[in-house]
C-alpha atoms as a PDB file:
ATOM      1  CA  MET A   1     -58.957 -27.067 -17.668  1.00  0.00           C
ATOM      2  CA  ILE A   2     -62.427 -27.596 -17.483  1.00  0.00           C
ATOM      3  CA  ASP A   3     -63.934 -28.329 -20.998  1.00  0.00           C
ATOM      4  CA  GLU A   4     -63.128 -28.381 -24.613  1.00  0.00           C
ATOM      5  CA  ASP A   5     -63.902 -24.917 -25.338  1.00  0.00           C
ATOM      6  CA  GLU A   6     -61.860 -23.591 -22.311  1.00  0.00           C
ATOM      7  CA  ALA A   7     -58.690 -25.522 -23.365  1.00  0.00           C
ATOM      8  CA  LEU A   8     -59.345 -24.102 -26.857  1.00  0.00           C
ATOM      9  CA  ARG A   9     -59.888 -20.355 -25.377  1.00  0.00           C
ATOM     10  CA  ILE A  10     -56.447 -21.308 -23.623  1.00  0.00           C
ATOM     11  CA  ALA A  11     -54.600 -22.454 -26.707  1.00  0.00           C
ATOM     12  CA  ALA A  12     -55.652 -19.627 -28.736  1.00  0.00           C
ATOM     13  CA  LEU A  13     -54.523 -16.871 -26.352  1.00  0.00           C
ATOM     14  CA  GLY A  14     -51.308 -18.739 -25.624  1.00  0.00           C
ATOM     15  CA  LEU A  15     -50.736 -18.004 -29.653  1.00  0.00           C
ATOM     16  CA  THR A  16     -51.933 -14.400 -29.586  1.00  0.00           C
ATOM     17  CA  ILE A  17     -50.798 -12.883 -26.415  1.00  0.00           C
ATOM     18  CA  ASP A  18     -48.199 -10.312 -27.236  1.00  0.00           C
ATOM     19  CA  GLU A  19     -44.561 -11.562 -26.702  1.00  0.00           C
ATOM     20  CA  ALA A  20     -43.850  -8.423 -24.752  1.00  0.00           C
ATOM     21  CA  ILE A  21     -45.898  -9.677 -21.754  1.00  0.00           C
ATOM     22  CA  PHE A  22     -45.867 -13.205 -22.365  1.00  0.00           C
ATOM     23  CA  GLN A  23     -42.031 -14.947 -21.064  1.00  0.00           C
ATOM     24  CA  TYR A  24     -42.611 -17.856 -22.405  1.00  0.00           C
ATOM     25  CA  ALA A  25     -44.450 -17.171 -25.938  1.00  0.00           C
ATOM     26  CA  ASP A  26     -41.567 -18.841 -28.033  1.00  0.00           C
ATOM     27  CA  ALA A  27     -42.111 -22.319 -25.979  1.00  0.00           C
ATOM     28  CA  ALA A  28     -45.872 -21.942 -26.354  1.00  0.00           C
ATOM     29  CA  PHE A  29     -45.581 -21.473 -29.743  1.00  0.00           C
ATOM     30  CA  GLU A  30     -43.178 -24.308 -30.473  1.00  0.00           C
ATOM     31  CA  GLY A  31     -44.479 -26.965 -27.976  1.00  0.00           C
ATOM     32  CA  GLY A  32     -47.808 -25.710 -26.861  1.00  0.00           C
ATOM     33  CA  VAL A  33     -49.019 -24.797 -23.664  1.00  0.00           C
ATOM     34  CA  PHE A  34     -50.384 -28.238 -22.298  1.00  0.00           C
ATOM     35  CA  SER A  35     -48.720 -30.809 -20.502  1.00  0.00           C
ATOM     36  CA  ASP A  36     -50.762 -33.517 -22.041  1.00  0.00           C
ATOM     37  CA  GLU A  37     -53.047 -34.382 -24.945  1.00  0.00           C
ATOM     38  CA  ASN A  38     -56.052 -34.203 -23.127  1.00  0.00           C
ATOM     39  CA  ARG A  39     -55.323 -30.176 -22.598  1.00  0.00           C
ATOM     40  CA  THR A  40     -56.277 -30.503 -18.924  1.00  0.00           C
ATOM     41  CA  ASN A  41     -52.789 -29.099 -17.444  1.00  0.00           C
ATOM     42  CA  THR A  42     -50.713 -26.075 -18.711  1.00  0.00           C
ATOM     43  CA  ARG A  43     -46.922 -27.131 -19.332  1.00  0.00           C
ATOM     44  CA  VAL A  44     -44.584 -26.763 -16.541  1.00  0.00           C
ATOM     45  CA  ILE A  45     -41.415 -24.972 -17.521  1.00  0.00           C
ATOM     46  CA  ASP A  46     -38.668 -24.718 -14.683  1.00  0.00           C
ATOM     47  CA  GLY A  47     -41.183 -25.523 -12.226  1.00  0.00           C
ATOM     48  CA  ALA A  48     -44.383 -23.104 -12.587  1.00  0.00           C
ATOM     49  CA  CYS A  49     -46.907 -22.947 -15.200  1.00  0.00           C
ATOM     50  CA  ILE A  50     -46.027 -21.520 -18.810  1.00  0.00           C
ATOM     51  CA  PHE A  51     -47.804 -18.588 -18.663  1.00  0.00           C
ATOM     52  CA  HIS A  52     -46.115 -17.622 -15.180  1.00  0.00           C
ATOM     53  CA  ASN A  53     -43.725 -14.383 -16.293  1.00  0.00           C
ATOM     54  CA  ARG A  54     -40.574 -14.795 -13.311  1.00  0.00           C
ATOM     55  CA  PRO A  55     -39.534 -12.058 -11.340  1.00  0.00           C
ATOM     56  CA  GLY A  56     -37.224  -9.682 -13.389  1.00  0.00           C
ATOM     57  CA  PHE A  57     -39.609 -10.240 -17.138  1.00  0.00           C
ATOM     58  CA  ALA A  58     -39.741  -6.780 -18.686  1.00  0.00           C
ATOM     59  CA  GLY A  59     -43.074  -7.441 -19.639  1.00  0.00           C
ATOM     60  CA  GLY A  60     -44.228  -8.223 -15.873  1.00  0.00           C
ATOM     61  CA  GLU A  61     -44.057 -10.123 -12.969  1.00  0.00           C
ATOM     62  CA  GLY A  62     -47.010 -12.865 -12.578  1.00  0.00           C
ATOM     63  CA  CYS A  63     -49.318 -14.467 -14.967  1.00  0.00           C
ATOM     64  CA  ALA A  64     -49.366 -13.698 -18.875  1.00  0.00           C
ATOM     65  CA  LEU A  65     -52.905 -14.443 -19.146  1.00  0.00           C
ATOM     66  CA  HIS A  66     -53.772 -11.888 -16.643  1.00  0.00           C
ATOM     67  CA  LEU A  67     -51.596  -9.145 -18.126  1.00  0.00           C
ATOM     68  CA  ALA A  68     -53.281  -9.728 -21.563  1.00  0.00           C
ATOM     69  CA  ALA A  69     -56.226  -9.155 -20.009  1.00  0.00           C
ATOM     70  CA  MET A  70     -55.454  -5.785 -18.738  1.00  0.00           C
ATOM     71  CA  GLN A  71     -53.616  -4.951 -21.687  1.00  0.00           C
ATOM     72  CA  ASP A  72     -56.851  -5.708 -23.606  1.00  0.00           C
ATOM     73  CA  ASP A  73     -59.223  -4.066 -20.852  1.00  0.00           C
ATOM     74  CA  GLU A  74     -60.964  -7.334 -20.106  1.00  0.00           C
ATOM     75  CA  ASN A  75     -61.708  -8.882 -17.047  1.00  0.00           C
ATOM     76  CA  PRO A  76     -58.906 -11.532 -16.289  1.00  0.00           C
ATOM     77  CA  ILE A  77     -61.645 -13.888 -15.494  1.00  0.00           C
ATOM     78  CA  GLU A  78     -62.422 -14.129 -19.227  1.00  0.00           C
ATOM     79  CA  TYR A  79     -58.861 -14.889 -19.930  1.00  0.00           C
ATOM     80  CA  LYS A  80     -57.348 -17.684 -17.446  1.00  0.00           C
ATOM     81  CA  PRO A  81     -58.564 -20.829 -16.558  1.00  0.00           C
ATOM     82  CA  SER A  82     -61.242 -21.620 -14.307  1.00  0.00           C
ATOM     83  CA  ILE A  83     -58.845 -22.816 -11.502  1.00  0.00           C
ATOM     84  CA  CYS A  84     -56.829 -20.080 -11.665  1.00  0.00           C
ATOM     85  CA  TRP A  85     -59.253 -17.715 -11.188  1.00  0.00           C
ATOM     86  CA  GLN A  86     -61.704 -19.601  -8.815  1.00  0.00           C
ATOM     87  CA  ALA A  87     -58.856 -20.845  -6.401  1.00  0.00           C
ATOM     88  CA  PRO A  88     -58.358 -20.472  -3.157  1.00  0.00           C
ATOM     89  CA  LEU A  89     -62.536 -20.480  -3.529  1.00  0.00           C
ATOM     90  CA  LYS A  90     -64.722 -23.523  -4.142  1.00  0.00           C
ATOM     91  CA  VAL A  91     -68.212 -24.231  -4.394  1.00  0.00           C
ATOM     92  CA  ASP A  92     -70.010 -27.262  -3.646  1.00  0.00           C
ATOM     93  CA  HIS A  93     -73.346 -28.359  -5.403  1.00  0.00           C
ATOM     94  CA  HIS A  94     -75.671 -30.277  -3.439  1.00  0.00           C
ATOM     95  CA  ASP A  95     -78.412 -32.333  -4.686  1.00  0.00           C
ATOM     96  CA  ASP A  96     -81.028 -29.807  -3.193  1.00  0.00           C
ATOM     97  CA  GLY A  97     -79.665 -26.940  -5.523  1.00  0.00           C
ATOM     98  CA  SER A  98     -77.993 -25.145  -2.853  1.00  0.00           C
ATOM     99  CA  LYS A  99     -74.488 -24.315  -2.766  1.00  0.00           C
ATOM    100  CA  THR A 100     -71.630 -24.045  -0.240  1.00  0.00           C
ATOM    101  CA  LEU A 101     -68.932 -21.407  -0.913  1.00  0.00           C
ATOM    102  CA  ARG A 102     -65.694 -22.354   1.155  1.00  0.00           C
ATOM    103  CA  PRO A 103     -61.894 -22.668   0.973  1.00  0.00           C
ATOM    104  CA  TRP A 104     -60.263 -25.240  -1.249  1.00  0.00           C
ATOM    105  CA  LYS A 105     -58.654 -28.066   0.400  1.00  0.00           C
ATOM    106  CA  ARG A 106     -55.666 -30.425  -0.901  1.00  0.00           C
ATOM    107  CA  PRO A 107     -58.089 -33.468  -0.490  1.00  0.00           C
ATOM    108  CA  ASP A 108     -60.086 -31.552  -3.295  1.00  0.00           C
ATOM    109  CA  TRP A 109     -58.183 -32.620  -6.058  1.00  0.00           C
ATOM    110  CA  ASP A 110     -59.153 -35.928  -6.350  1.00  0.00           C
ATOM    111  CA  GLY A 111     -56.005 -37.463  -6.621  1.00  0.00           C
ATOM    112  CA  GLY A 112     -55.190 -34.912  -9.230  1.00  0.00           C
ATOM    113  CA  LEU A 113     -52.630 -32.972  -6.654  1.00  0.00           C
ATOM    114  CA  GLU A 114     -49.593 -33.983  -8.477  1.00  0.00           C
ATOM    115  CA  SER A 115     -50.939 -32.235 -11.666  1.00  0.00           C
ATOM    116  CA  MET A 116     -52.416 -29.159  -9.331  1.00  0.00           C
ATOM    117  CA  ALA A 117     -49.367 -28.701  -6.980  1.00  0.00           C
ATOM    118  CA  TRP A 118     -48.619 -25.709  -8.624  1.00  0.00           C
ATOM    119  CA  CYS A 119     -51.724 -24.029  -7.573  1.00  0.00           C
ATOM    120  CA  CYS A 120     -50.832 -24.697  -4.098  1.00  0.00           C
ATOM    121  CA  THR A 121     -48.660 -22.030  -2.013  1.00  0.00           C
ATOM    122  CA  THR A 122     -47.832 -24.169   1.054  1.00  0.00           C
ATOM    123  CA  LYS A 123     -45.205 -26.718   1.392  1.00  0.00           C
ATOM    124  CA  GLY A 124     -47.102 -28.787   4.140  1.00  0.00           C
ATOM    125  CA  GLY A 125     -50.702 -28.555   2.931  1.00  0.00           C
ATOM    126  CA  ASP A 126     -51.658 -28.633   6.797  1.00  0.00           C
ATOM    127  CA  ASP A 127     -55.118 -26.246   6.986  1.00  0.00           C
ATOM    128  CA  GLU A 128     -53.449 -23.494   9.210  1.00  0.00           C
ATOM    129  CA  ALA A 129     -50.640 -22.966   6.120  1.00  0.00           C
ATOM    130  CA  LEU A 130     -53.301 -23.250   3.478  1.00  0.00           C
ATOM    131  CA  ALA A 131     -55.540 -20.706   5.612  1.00  0.00           C
ATOM    132  CA  SER A 132     -52.766 -18.075   5.011  1.00  0.00           C
ATOM    133  CA  ALA A 133     -54.363 -17.703   1.245  1.00  0.00           C
ATOM    134  CA  PHE A 134     -57.276 -15.622   2.854  1.00  0.00           C
ATOM    135  CA  VAL A 135     -55.005 -12.906   5.071  1.00  0.00           C
ATOM    136  CA  GLY A 136     -54.797  -9.573   3.852  1.00  0.00           C
ATOM    137  CA  ASP A 137     -55.640  -5.977   4.372  1.00  0.00           C
ATOM    138  CA  VAL A 138     -58.988  -6.343   3.036  1.00  0.00           C
ATOM    139  CA  THR A 139     -61.753  -8.919   3.212  1.00  0.00           C
ATOM    140  CA  VAL A 140     -62.195 -11.588   0.809  1.00  0.00           C
ATOM    141  CA  GLY A 141     -65.559 -10.403  -0.326  1.00  0.00           C
ATOM    142  CA  GLU A 142     -63.559  -7.206  -1.310  1.00  0.00           C
ATOM    143  CA  SER A 143     -60.375  -8.471  -2.803  1.00  0.00           C
ATOM    144  CA  LEU A 144     -61.981 -11.231  -4.453  1.00  0.00           C
ATOM    145  CA  HIS A 145     -65.168  -9.816  -5.930  1.00  0.00           C
ATOM    146  CA  ALA A 146     -65.323 -10.349  -9.108  1.00  0.00           C
ATOM    147  CA  GLU A 147     -64.537 -14.149  -8.631  1.00  0.00           C
ATOM    148  CA  LEU A 148     -67.315 -14.355  -6.123  1.00  0.00           C
ATOM    149  CA  ARG A 149     -69.239 -12.672  -8.472  1.00  0.00           C
ATOM    150  CA  GLY A 150     -68.333 -15.342 -11.458  1.00  0.00           C
ATOM    151  CA  LEU A 151     -68.850 -18.239  -8.872  1.00  0.00           C
ATOM    152  CA  VAL A 152     -71.943 -17.360  -6.964  1.00  0.00           C
ATOM    153  CA  GLY A 153     -73.866 -14.358  -8.980  1.00  0.00           C
ATOM    154  CA  PRO A 154     -73.714 -10.794  -8.355  1.00  0.00           C
ATOM    155  CA  GLU A 155     -76.480 -10.539  -5.513  1.00  0.00           C
ATOM    156  CA  ILE A 156     -74.861 -13.130  -3.365  1.00  0.00           C
ATOM    157  CA  ALA A 157     -71.248 -11.149  -4.245  1.00  0.00           C
ATOM    158  CA  VAL A 158     -72.365  -8.056  -3.079  1.00  0.00           C
ATOM    159  CA  GLN A 159     -74.184  -9.547   0.079  1.00  0.00           C
ATOM    160  CA  LEU A 160     -70.632 -11.231   1.175  1.00  0.00           C
ATOM    161  CA  ARG A 161     -69.034  -7.985   0.500  1.00  0.00           C
ATOM    162  CA  GLU A 162     -71.599  -5.944   2.803  1.00  0.00           C
ATOM    163  CA  ARG A 163     -71.746  -8.341   5.321  1.00  0.00           C
ATOM    164  CA  HIS A 164     -68.072  -8.347   6.075  1.00  0.00           C
ATOM    165  CA  ARG A 165     -67.427  -4.779   5.659  1.00  0.00           C
END
């Protein structure tokens, strides 16, 4: 989690999400949602984030936080940890006040790769495999428009979407 407020929000959501859409609600209630006392990482259950509902779960596969936001008619960005909605995009802030938007790369984890490995979808970590996160039927500007708005603001997000139509 990026700060105490985010950790508190995620902890509260872990205790209040409807059990019908949160496969590991009982585990969250019994042992919390964090893997460490600093509350920087979510717990891992059977190799994945505690909020990751597995295939076949009746309440829906995928992120329980995302499902809860959709159920509550909210933007998933408001419910999920920052890293979960920002990846695979990263903003570098420069001393002159400018910013660069680019893909995350494994060296960006600053030695935290072990704790963030669940976030990466490739096995080898090579740039070609990591680039596969940006392949789809629509542009990144369109498919990740809400995330871009959160990272660079609405004006730049619209410019990016329009530029690559």
